[in-house]
Amino acid sequence: FSPIYGPDYYDCRFLPDKFKVKYK
C-alpha cells in the first residue's frame, strides 16, 4: 500500500477521526 501525499485533498491523513476509528 502506497500513500497519496499530493494533492493534499486526496491524502487520507486529513480525514475526520471517525474514518480512522472505523478503519481500526
PDB file of all heavy atoms in Angstrom:
ATOM      1  N   PHE A   1       0.841  -1.197   0.000  1.00  0.00           N
ATOM      2  CA  PHE A   1       0.000   0.000   0.000  1.00  0.00           C
ATOM      3  C   PHE A   1       0.873   1.242   0.000  1.00  0.00           C
ATOM      4  O   PHE A   1       1.780   1.374   0.814  1.00  0.00           O
ATOM      5  CB  PHE A   1      -0.939  -0.023   1.206  1.00  0.00           C
ATOM      6  CG  PHE A   1      -1.810  -1.241   1.248  1.00  0.00           C
ATOM      7  CD1 PHE A   1      -1.354  -2.420   1.835  1.00  0.00           C
ATOM      8  CD2 PHE A   1      -3.069  -1.228   0.685  1.00  0.00           C
ATOM      9  CE1 PHE A   1      -2.143  -3.557   1.862  1.00  0.00           C
ATOM     10  CE2 PHE A   1      -3.866  -2.361   0.704  1.00  0.00           C
ATOM     11  CZ  PHE A   1      -3.406  -3.527   1.291  1.00  0.00           C
ATOM     12  N   SER A   2       0.573   2.149  -0.925  1.00  0.00           N
ATOM     13  CA  SER A   2       1.367   3.354  -1.099  1.00  0.00           C
ATOM     14  C   SER A   2       0.493   4.587  -0.873  1.00  0.00           C
ATOM     15  O   SER A   2      -0.562   4.724  -1.506  1.00  0.00           O
ATOM     16  CB  SER A   2       1.966   3.405  -2.505  1.00  0.00           C
ATOM     17  OG  SER A   2       2.710   4.590  -2.721  1.00  0.00           O
ATOM     18  N   PRO A   3       0.897   5.491   0.019  1.00  0.00           N
ATOM     19  CA  PRO A   3       0.038   6.641   0.336  1.00  0.00           C
ATOM     20  C   PRO A   3       0.070   7.721  -0.739  1.00  0.00           C
ATOM     21  O   PRO A   3       1.067   7.910  -1.438  1.00  0.00           O
ATOM     22  CB  PRO A   3       0.648   7.174   1.640  1.00  0.00           C
ATOM     23  CG  PRO A   3       2.098   6.792   1.556  1.00  0.00           C
ATOM     24  CD  PRO A   3       2.125   5.464   0.841  1.00  0.00           C
ATOM     25  N   ILE A   4      -1.034   8.433  -0.862  1.00  0.00           N
ATOM     26  CA  ILE A   4      -1.095   9.642  -1.665  1.00  0.00           C
ATOM     27  C   ILE A   4      -0.677  10.811  -0.783  1.00  0.00           C
ATOM     28  O   ILE A   4      -1.301  11.072   0.247  1.00  0.00           O
ATOM     29  CB  ILE A   4      -2.512   9.893  -2.211  1.00  0.00           C
ATOM     30  CG1 ILE A   4      -2.925   8.782  -3.174  1.00  0.00           C
ATOM     31  CG2 ILE A   4      -2.586  11.249  -2.908  1.00  0.00           C
ATOM     32  CD1 ILE A   4      -4.373   8.893  -3.636  1.00  0.00           C
ATOM     33  N   TYR A   5       0.383  11.502  -1.162  1.00  0.00           N
ATOM     34  CA  TYR A   5       0.817  12.682  -0.425  1.00  0.00           C
ATOM     35  C   TYR A   5       0.429  13.980  -1.127  1.00  0.00           C
ATOM     36  O   TYR A   5       0.570  15.064  -0.578  1.00  0.00           O
ATOM     37  CB  TYR A   5       2.329  12.650  -0.215  1.00  0.00           C
ATOM     38  CG  TYR A   5       2.776  11.648   0.833  1.00  0.00           C
ATOM     39  CD1 TYR A   5       3.520  10.536   0.487  1.00  0.00           C
ATOM     40  CD2 TYR A   5       2.461  11.828   2.169  1.00  0.00           C
ATOM     41  CE1 TYR A   5       3.942   9.625   1.448  1.00  0.00           C
ATOM     42  CE2 TYR A   5       2.876  10.923   3.140  1.00  0.00           C
ATOM     43  CZ  TYR A   5       3.615   9.826   2.769  1.00  0.00           C
ATOM     44  OH  TYR A   5       4.028   8.927   3.722  1.00  0.00           O
ATOM     45  N   GLY A   6      -0.017  13.866  -2.344  1.00  0.00           N
ATOM     46  CA  GLY A   6      -0.407  15.055  -3.063  1.00  0.00           C
ATOM     47  C   GLY A   6      -1.228  14.702  -4.297  1.00  0.00           C
ATOM     48  O   GLY A   6      -0.992  13.650  -4.918  1.00  0.00           O
ATOM     49  N   PRO A   7      -2.236  15.521  -4.631  1.00  0.00           N
ATOM     50  CA  PRO A   7      -2.674  16.707  -3.896  1.00  0.00           C
ATOM     51  C   PRO A   7      -3.149  16.360  -2.483  1.00  0.00           C
ATOM     52  O   PRO A   7      -3.668  15.259  -2.263  1.00  0.00           O
ATOM     53  CB  PRO A   7      -3.841  17.252  -4.747  1.00  0.00           C
ATOM     54  CG  PRO A   7      -3.749  16.544  -6.058  1.00  0.00           C
ATOM     55  CD  PRO A   7      -3.085  15.260  -5.824  1.00  0.00           C
ATOM     56  N   ASP A   8      -3.006  17.303  -1.561  1.00  0.00           N
ATOM     57  CA  ASP A   8      -3.302  17.000  -0.165  1.00  0.00           C
ATOM     58  C   ASP A   8      -4.770  16.671   0.074  1.00  0.00           C
ATOM     59  O   ASP A   8      -5.090  15.962   1.037  1.00  0.00           O
ATOM     60  CB  ASP A   8      -2.837  18.124   0.771  1.00  0.00           C
ATOM     61  CG  ASP A   8      -3.476  19.480   0.467  1.00  0.00           C
ATOM     62  OD1 ASP A   8      -4.333  19.558  -0.432  1.00  0.00           O
ATOM     63  OD2 ASP A   8      -3.096  20.478   1.142  1.00  0.00           O
ATOM     64  N   TYR A   9      -5.672  17.123  -0.830  1.00  0.00           N
ATOM     65  CA  TYR A   9      -7.088  16.821  -0.604  1.00  0.00           C
ATOM     66  C   TYR A   9      -7.439  15.356  -0.905  1.00  0.00           C
ATOM     67  O   TYR A   9      -8.572  14.950  -0.670  1.00  0.00           O
ATOM     68  CB  TYR A   9      -7.997  17.780  -1.387  1.00  0.00           C
ATOM     69  CG  TYR A   9      -7.652  17.965  -2.860  1.00  0.00           C
ATOM     70  CD1 TYR A   9      -8.008  17.028  -3.814  1.00  0.00           C
ATOM     71  CD2 TYR A   9      -6.994  19.110  -3.273  1.00  0.00           C
ATOM     72  CE1 TYR A   9      -7.714  17.218  -5.152  1.00  0.00           C
ATOM     73  CE2 TYR A   9      -6.683  19.319  -4.609  1.00  0.00           C
ATOM     74  CZ  TYR A   9      -7.044  18.373  -5.540  1.00  0.00           C
ATOM     75  OH  TYR A   9      -6.737  18.575  -6.866  1.00  0.00           O
ATOM     76  N   TYR A  10      -6.501  14.588  -1.425  1.00  0.00           N
ATOM     77  CA  TYR A  10      -6.688  13.145  -1.547  1.00  0.00           C
ATOM     78  C   TYR A  10      -5.950  12.373  -0.452  1.00  0.00           C
ATOM     79  O   TYR A  10      -6.011  11.145  -0.419  1.00  0.00           O
ATOM     80  CB  TYR A  10      -6.218  12.655  -2.919  1.00  0.00           C
ATOM     81  CG  TYR A  10      -7.130  13.037  -4.067  1.00  0.00           C
ATOM     82  CD1 TYR A  10      -6.620  13.668  -5.190  1.00  0.00           C
ATOM     83  CD2 TYR A  10      -8.492  12.769  -4.027  1.00  0.00           C
ATOM     84  CE1 TYR A  10      -7.446  14.029  -6.248  1.00  0.00           C
ATOM     85  CE2 TYR A  10      -9.323  13.127  -5.072  1.00  0.00           C
ATOM     86  CZ  TYR A  10      -8.791  13.757  -6.178  1.00  0.00           C
ATOM     87  OH  TYR A  10      -9.623  14.112  -7.221  1.00  0.00           O
ATOM     88  N   ASP A  11      -5.263  13.055   0.407  1.00  0.00           N
ATOM     89  CA  ASP A  11      -4.440  12.455   1.458  1.00  0.00           C
ATOM     90  C   ASP A  11      -5.330  12.054   2.636  1.00  0.00           C
ATOM     91  O   ASP A  11      -5.955  12.888   3.277  1.00  0.00           O
ATOM     92  CB  ASP A  11      -3.380  13.469   1.905  1.00  0.00           C
ATOM     93  CG  ASP A  11      -2.320  12.876   2.813  1.00  0.00           C
ATOM     94  OD1 ASP A  11      -2.610  11.885   3.517  1.00  0.00           O
ATOM     95  OD2 ASP A  11      -1.203  13.420   2.841  1.00  0.00           O
ATOM     96  N   CYS A  12      -5.376  10.751   2.927  1.00  0.00           N
ATOM     97  CA  CYS A  12      -6.279  10.250   3.963  1.00  0.00           C
ATOM     98  C   CYS A  12      -5.905  10.720   5.365  1.00  0.00           C
ATOM     99  O   CYS A  12      -6.708  10.608   6.293  1.00  0.00           O
ATOM    100  CB  CYS A  12      -6.341   8.724   3.932  1.00  0.00           C
ATOM    101  SG  CYS A  12      -4.795   7.899   4.386  1.00  0.00           S
ATOM    102  N   ARG A  13      -4.706  11.235   5.541  1.00  0.00           N
ATOM    103  CA  ARG A  13      -4.298  11.713   6.863  1.00  0.00           C
ATOM    104  C   ARG A  13      -5.160  12.876   7.348  1.00  0.00           C
ATOM    105  O   ARG A  13      -5.257  13.128   8.546  1.00  0.00           O
ATOM    106  CB  ARG A  13      -2.828  12.123   6.850  1.00  0.00           C
ATOM    107  CG  ARG A  13      -1.866  10.980   6.562  1.00  0.00           C
ATOM    108  CD  ARG A  13      -0.426  11.449   6.574  1.00  0.00           C
ATOM    109  NE  ARG A  13      -0.187  12.476   5.573  1.00  0.00           N
ATOM    110  CZ  ARG A  13       0.905  13.226   5.509  1.00  0.00           C
ATOM    111  NH1 ARG A  13       1.858  13.074   6.399  1.00  0.00           N
ATOM    112  NH2 ARG A  13       1.039  14.136   4.544  1.00  0.00           N
ATOM    113  N   PHE A  14      -5.799  13.586   6.417  1.00  0.00           N
ATOM    114  CA  PHE A  14      -6.612  14.742   6.772  1.00  0.00           C
ATOM    115  C   PHE A  14      -8.092  14.402   6.959  1.00  0.00           C
ATOM    116  O   PHE A  14      -8.915  15.289   7.174  1.00  0.00           O
ATOM    117  CB  PHE A  14      -6.447  15.836   5.716  1.00  0.00           C
ATOM    118  CG  PHE A  14      -5.037  16.338   5.597  1.00  0.00           C
ATOM    119  CD1 PHE A  14      -4.239  15.966   4.527  1.00  0.00           C
ATOM    120  CD2 PHE A  14      -4.500  17.157   6.569  1.00  0.00           C
ATOM    121  CE1 PHE A  14      -2.929  16.422   4.420  1.00  0.00           C
ATOM    122  CE2 PHE A  14      -3.193  17.618   6.468  1.00  0.00           C
ATOM    123  CZ  PHE A  14      -2.405  17.240   5.396  1.00  0.00           C
ATOM    124  N   LEU A  15      -8.434  13.121   6.852  1.00  0.00           N
ATOM    125  CA  LEU A  15      -9.807  12.690   7.067  1.00  0.00           C
ATOM    126  C   LEU A  15     -10.223  12.902   8.524  1.00  0.00           C
ATOM    127  O   LEU A  15      -9.388  12.901   9.428  1.00  0.00           O
ATOM    128  CB  LEU A  15      -9.965  11.216   6.712  1.00  0.00           C
ATOM    129  CG  LEU A  15     -10.094  10.854   5.229  1.00  0.00           C
ATOM    130  CD1 LEU A  15      -9.924   9.362   5.031  1.00  0.00           C
ATOM    131  CD2 LEU A  15     -11.447  11.309   4.673  1.00  0.00           C
ATOM    132  N   PRO A  16     -11.532  13.040   8.764  1.00  0.00           N
ATOM    133  CA  PRO A  16     -12.018  13.117  10.144  1.00  0.00           C
ATOM    134  C   PRO A  16     -11.665  11.866  10.945  1.00  0.00           C
ATOM    135  O   PRO A  16     -11.520  10.770  10.388  1.00  0.00           O
ATOM    136  CB  PRO A  16     -13.539  13.245   9.969  1.00  0.00           C
ATOM    137  CG  PRO A  16     -13.715  13.813   8.608  1.00  0.00           C
ATOM    138  CD  PRO A  16     -12.613  13.255   7.778  1.00  0.00           C
ATOM    139  N   ASP A  17     -11.559  12.009  12.248  1.00  0.00           N
ATOM    140  CA  ASP A  17     -11.199  10.896  13.122  1.00  0.00           C
ATOM    141  C   ASP A  17     -12.168   9.726  12.994  1.00  0.00           C
ATOM    142  O   ASP A  17     -11.786   8.571  13.199  1.00  0.00           O
ATOM    143  CB  ASP A  17     -11.144  11.356  14.578  1.00  0.00           C
ATOM    144  CG  ASP A  17      -9.955  12.266  14.858  1.00  0.00           C
ATOM    145  OD1 ASP A  17      -9.004  12.257  14.043  1.00  0.00           O
ATOM    146  OD2 ASP A  17      -9.987  12.980  15.868  1.00  0.00           O
ATOM    147  N   LYS A  18     -13.420  10.002  12.666  1.00  0.00           N
ATOM    148  CA  LYS A  18     -14.417   8.954  12.547  1.00  0.00           C
ATOM    149  C   LYS A  18     -13.993   7.899  11.515  1.00  0.00           C
ATOM    150  O   LYS A  18     -14.238   6.700  11.691  1.00  0.00           O
ATOM    151  CB  LYS A  18     -15.773   9.552  12.183  1.00  0.00           C
ATOM    152  CG  LYS A  18     -16.929   8.648  12.336  1.00  0.00           C
ATOM    153  CD  LYS A  18     -18.254   9.344  12.080  1.00  0.00           C
ATOM    154  CE  LYS A  18     -18.663  10.195  13.220  1.00  0.00           C
ATOM    155  NZ  LYS A  18     -20.069  10.685  13.079  1.00  0.00           N
ATOM    156  N   PHE A  19     -13.360   8.330  10.439  1.00  0.00           N
ATOM    157  CA  PHE A  19     -12.871   7.400   9.431  1.00  0.00           C
ATOM    158  C   PHE A  19     -11.781   6.499  10.008  1.00  0.00           C
ATOM    159  O   PHE A  19     -11.745   5.293   9.761  1.00  0.00           O
ATOM    160  CB  PHE A  19     -12.313   8.165   8.229  1.00  0.00           C
ATOM    161  CG  PHE A  19     -13.360   8.676   7.289  1.00  0.00           C
ATOM    162  CD1 PHE A  19     -14.108   9.782   7.599  1.00  0.00           C
ATOM    163  CD2 PHE A  19     -13.610   8.041   6.091  1.00  0.00           C
ATOM    164  CE1 PHE A  19     -15.070  10.270   6.731  1.00  0.00           C
ATOM    165  CE2 PHE A  19     -14.563   8.506   5.211  1.00  0.00           C
ATOM    166  CZ  PHE A  19     -15.299   9.619   5.534  1.00  0.00           C
ATOM    167  N   LYS A  20     -10.894   7.094  10.749  1.00  0.00           N
ATOM    168  CA  LYS A  20      -9.764   6.352  11.299  1.00  0.00           C
ATOM    169  C   LYS A  20     -10.211   5.345  12.355  1.00  0.00           C
ATOM    170  O   LYS A  20      -9.648   4.256  12.475  1.00  0.00           O
ATOM    171  CB  LYS A  20      -8.726   7.334  11.834  1.00  0.00           C
ATOM    172  CG  LYS A  20      -8.173   8.241  10.737  1.00  0.00           C
ATOM    173  CD  LYS A  20      -7.327   9.377  11.258  1.00  0.00           C
ATOM    174  CE  LYS A  20      -6.949  10.322  10.115  1.00  0.00           C
ATOM    175  NZ  LYS A  20      -6.110  11.472  10.583  1.00  0.00           N
ATOM    176  N   VAL A  21     -11.242   5.708  13.113  1.00  0.00           N
ATOM    177  CA  VAL A  21     -11.813   4.778  14.091  1.00  0.00           C
ATOM    178  C   VAL A  21     -12.419   3.575  13.382  1.00  0.00           C
ATOM    179  O   VAL A  21     -12.211   2.426  13.787  1.00  0.00           O
ATOM    180  CB  VAL A  21     -12.857   5.493  14.972  1.00  0.00           C
ATOM    181  CG1 VAL A  21     -13.626   4.478  15.827  1.00  0.00           C
ATOM    182  CG2 VAL A  21     -12.193   6.531  15.860  1.00  0.00           C
ATOM    183  N   LYS A  22     -13.182   3.824  12.325  1.00  0.00           N
ATOM    184  CA  LYS A  22     -13.793   2.731  11.561  1.00  0.00           C
ATOM    185  C   LYS A  22     -12.721   1.843  10.936  1.00  0.00           C
ATOM    186  O   LYS A  22     -12.865   0.620  10.886  1.00  0.00           O
ATOM    187  CB  LYS A  22     -14.730   3.282  10.489  1.00  0.00           C
ATOM    188  CG  LYS A  22     -16.035   3.813  11.008  1.00  0.00           C
ATOM    189  CD  LYS A  22     -16.940   4.288   9.887  1.00  0.00           C
ATOM    190  CE  LYS A  22     -17.457   3.114   9.066  1.00  0.00           C
ATOM    191  NZ  LYS A  22     -18.409   2.264   9.827  1.00  0.00           N
ATOM    192  N   TYR A  23     -11.660   2.449  10.430  1.00  0.00           N
ATOM    193  CA  TYR A  23     -10.563   1.668   9.855  1.00  0.00           C
ATOM    194  C   TYR A  23      -9.964   0.742  10.910  1.00  0.00           C
ATOM    195  O   TYR A  23      -9.745  -0.443  10.656  1.00  0.00           O
ATOM    196  CB  TYR A  23      -9.491   2.602   9.288  1.00  0.00           C
ATOM    197  CG  TYR A  23      -8.371   1.887   8.558  1.00  0.00           C
ATOM    198  CD1 TYR A  23      -8.364   1.825   7.169  1.00  0.00           C
ATOM    199  CD2 TYR A  23      -7.324   1.269   9.237  1.00  0.00           C
ATOM    200  CE1 TYR A  23      -7.340   1.180   6.486  1.00  0.00           C
ATOM    201  CE2 TYR A  23      -6.310   0.619   8.572  1.00  0.00           C
ATOM    202  CZ  TYR A  23      -6.313   0.575   7.199  1.00  0.00           C
ATOM    203  OH  TYR A  23      -5.285  -0.084   6.529  1.00  0.00           O
ATOM    204  N   LYS A  24      -9.688   1.282  12.097  1.00  0.00           N
ATOM    205  CA  LYS A  24      -9.067   0.489  13.163  1.00  0.00           C
ATOM    206  C   LYS A  24      -9.979  -0.656  13.593  1.00  0.00           C
ATOM    207  O   LYS A  24      -9.493  -1.770  13.857  1.00  0.00           O
ATOM    208  CB  LYS A  24      -8.760   1.381  14.360  1.00  0.00           C
ATOM    209  CG  LYS A  24      -7.978   0.687  15.493  1.00  0.00           C
ATOM    210  CD  LYS A  24      -6.616   0.200  15.001  1.00  0.00           C
ATOM    211  CE  LYS A  24      -5.694  -0.143  16.155  1.00  0.00           C
ATOM    212  NZ  LYS A  24      -6.214  -1.181  17.028  1.00  0.00           N
TER     213      LYS A  24
END
